[in-house]
Amino acid sequence: MIAGPVPSGRGGGQSGLTLMEIMIAIVVIAIGVGVFVTMQKNSGSNLAGNSKMMRAGQLVEKHVEAMRIGIARDTAGNWPPNDTSYTEAGLKVERRISQAVSPKTLTVLSNVRKVDIIVSWGKSHQDSLDVTTYVSRRF
């Protein structure tokens, strides 16, 4: 017995894609492209935010080291440090100096100052880096 062509289930032995299958494939591809584009966009904005945060950290380091070197070079002229603010590379830097208090005795430490440094680059509270450190007249 000789076998003939096997029917494909589409009736009449036709092969190919139906309009419905093509539309479903287009929708699936469109969803995939949409998800990919959204992920790329979010990745780019996260990268920009991380870059600002890294630059802010570098500015804080630079600022603290410059302040400490200034105090070490000329204690009489640079003690106590003063409040200051400036803008560098689009980032606003503010330094606030206050009395340091001993955590044990709650007394004011005359040779130590509390230094709050805030670096900001936007309007949201997430667009800033706040650092607190202490400097001493004598290292």
Protein backbone atom coordinates (compact mmCIF):
# COMPACT_ATOMS: atom_id res chain seq x y z
CA MET A 1 0.00 0.00 0.00
CA ILE A 2 1.32 3.41 -0.97
CA ALA A 3 0.79 6.20 1.52
CA GLY A 4 -0.29 9.60 0.34
CA PRO A 5 0.35 13.04 1.86
CA VAL A 6 -0.54 13.34 5.53
CA PRO A 7 -3.12 16.06 6.21
CA SER A 8 -1.78 18.91 8.39
CA GLY A 9 -4.90 19.45 10.43
CA ARG A 10 -5.59 22.74 8.73
CA GLY A 11 -7.82 21.23 6.21
CA GLY A 12 -6.93 20.62 2.65
CA GLY A 13 -3.21 20.03 3.34
CA GLN A 14 -2.37 23.79 3.48
CA SER A 15 0.72 24.97 5.29
CA GLY A 16 1.58 28.46 6.56
CA LEU A 17 0.47 30.86 9.27
CA THR A 18 -3.00 32.18 9.87
CA LEU A 19 -3.71 35.86 10.39
CA MET A 20 -4.47 35.18 14.05
CA GLU A 21 -1.08 33.51 14.60
CA ILE A 22 0.71 36.44 12.97
CA MET A 23 -1.18 38.96 15.16
CA ILE A 24 -0.34 37.00 18.32
CA ALA A 25 3.33 36.87 17.31
CA ILE A 26 3.36 40.65 16.73
CA VAL A 27 1.77 41.30 20.14
CA VAL A 28 4.30 39.03 21.89
CA ILE A 29 7.20 40.75 20.13
CA ALA A 30 5.79 44.21 20.95
CA ILE A 31 5.47 43.31 24.64
CA GLY A 32 9.04 42.01 24.66
CA VAL A 33 10.38 45.17 23.01
CA GLY A 34 8.36 47.33 25.44
CA VAL A 35 9.79 45.52 28.45
CA PHE A 36 13.32 45.82 27.05
CA VAL A 37 12.95 49.57 26.39
CA THR A 38 11.55 50.16 29.90
CA MET A 39 14.43 48.24 31.47
CA GLN A 40 16.97 50.26 29.48
CA LYS A 41 15.34 53.54 30.48
CA ASN A 42 15.32 52.59 34.18
CA SER A 43 18.90 51.41 33.96
CA GLY A 44 19.98 54.73 32.46
CA SER A 45 18.28 56.83 35.13
CA ASN A 46 19.71 54.61 37.90
CA LEU A 47 23.16 55.01 36.39
CA ALA A 48 22.82 58.81 36.39
CA GLY A 49 21.71 58.82 40.03
CA ASN A 50 24.56 56.54 41.05
CA SER A 51 27.01 58.76 39.22
CA LYS A 52 25.79 61.83 41.14
CA MET A 53 25.99 59.95 44.44
CA MET A 54 29.56 58.81 43.68
CA ARG A 55 30.60 62.36 42.73
CA ALA A 56 28.98 63.69 45.93
CA GLY A 57 30.98 61.19 47.99
CA GLN A 58 34.17 62.28 46.30
CA LEU A 59 33.37 65.93 47.05
CA VAL A 60 32.77 65.13 50.74
CA GLU A 61 36.13 63.33 50.94
CA LYS A 62 37.90 66.21 49.22
CA HIS A 63 36.19 68.78 51.43
CA VAL A 64 36.95 66.99 54.72
CA GLU A 65 40.58 66.38 53.82
CA ALA A 66 41.08 70.01 52.77
CA MET A 67 39.54 71.18 56.05
CA ARG A 68 41.72 68.85 58.13
CA ILE A 69 44.89 69.83 56.26
CA GLY A 70 44.04 73.51 56.76
CA ILE A 71 43.61 72.99 60.50
CA ALA A 72 46.87 71.02 60.73
CA ARG A 73 48.84 73.70 58.84
CA ASP A 74 47.49 76.69 60.75
CA THR A 75 45.60 75.73 63.88
CA ALA A 76 45.33 79.30 65.15
CA GLY A 77 43.99 80.70 61.88
CA ASN A 78 41.75 77.80 60.87
CA TRP A 79 40.26 76.83 64.23
CA PRO A 80 37.40 76.52 64.68
CA PRO A 81 36.31 75.88 61.10
CA ASN A 82 33.48 78.02 59.76
CA ASP A 83 30.20 77.25 58.06
CA THR A 84 30.48 77.46 54.30
CA SER A 85 28.65 76.63 51.10
CA TYR A 86 29.64 76.51 47.46
CA THR A 87 28.76 74.82 44.20
CA GLU A 88 31.12 72.54 42.32
CA ALA A 89 30.33 70.60 39.14
CA GLY A 90 26.60 71.21 39.57
CA LEU A 91 26.58 69.92 43.16
CA LYS A 92 25.81 72.22 46.08
CA VAL A 93 28.03 71.65 49.14
CA GLU A 94 27.05 72.99 52.56
CA ARG A 95 29.16 72.68 55.70
CA ARG A 96 27.68 73.35 59.13
CA ILE A 97 29.88 73.43 62.21
CA SER A 98 28.56 72.90 65.74
CA GLN A 99 29.84 72.08 69.21
CA ALA A 100 30.74 68.45 69.81
CA VAL A 101 29.34 66.81 72.92
CA SER A 102 30.81 63.82 74.73
CA PRO A 103 28.39 60.88 74.52
CA LYS A 104 29.40 59.71 78.02
CA THR A 105 29.38 62.91 80.04
CA LEU A 106 27.27 65.12 77.76
CA THR A 107 29.81 67.91 78.20
CA VAL A 108 30.98 70.17 75.38
CA LEU A 109 34.36 69.18 73.95
CA SER A 110 36.28 72.40 73.42
CA ASN A 111 38.88 70.95 71.02
CA VAL A 112 36.41 69.03 68.85
CA ARG A 113 33.76 70.23 66.39
CA LYS A 114 30.89 68.35 64.78
CA VAL A 115 30.85 68.86 61.02
CA ASP A 116 27.70 68.21 58.97
CA ILE A 117 28.28 68.21 55.22
CA ILE A 118 25.34 68.09 52.82
CA VAL A 119 25.89 67.65 49.09
CA SER A 120 22.74 68.08 47.01
CA TRP A 121 21.95 68.03 43.29
CA GLY A 122 18.16 68.04 43.05
CA LYS A 123 14.95 68.94 44.82
CA SER A 124 14.13 65.52 46.31
CA HIS A 125 15.53 64.41 49.66
CA GLN A 126 16.95 61.44 47.76
CA ASP A 127 19.04 63.85 45.71
CA SER A 128 21.50 64.55 48.51
CA LEU A 129 24.24 62.98 50.56
CA ASP A 130 24.44 63.94 54.26
CA VAL A 131 27.62 63.14 56.16
CA THR A 132 28.52 63.87 59.78
CA THR A 133 32.10 63.76 60.97
CA TYR A 134 34.17 65.30 63.73
CA VAL A 135 37.39 67.29 63.56
CA SER A 136 39.82 67.98 66.33
CA ARG A 137 42.14 70.88 66.94
CA ARG A 138 44.82 68.35 67.85
CA PHE A 139 45.15 65.16 65.86
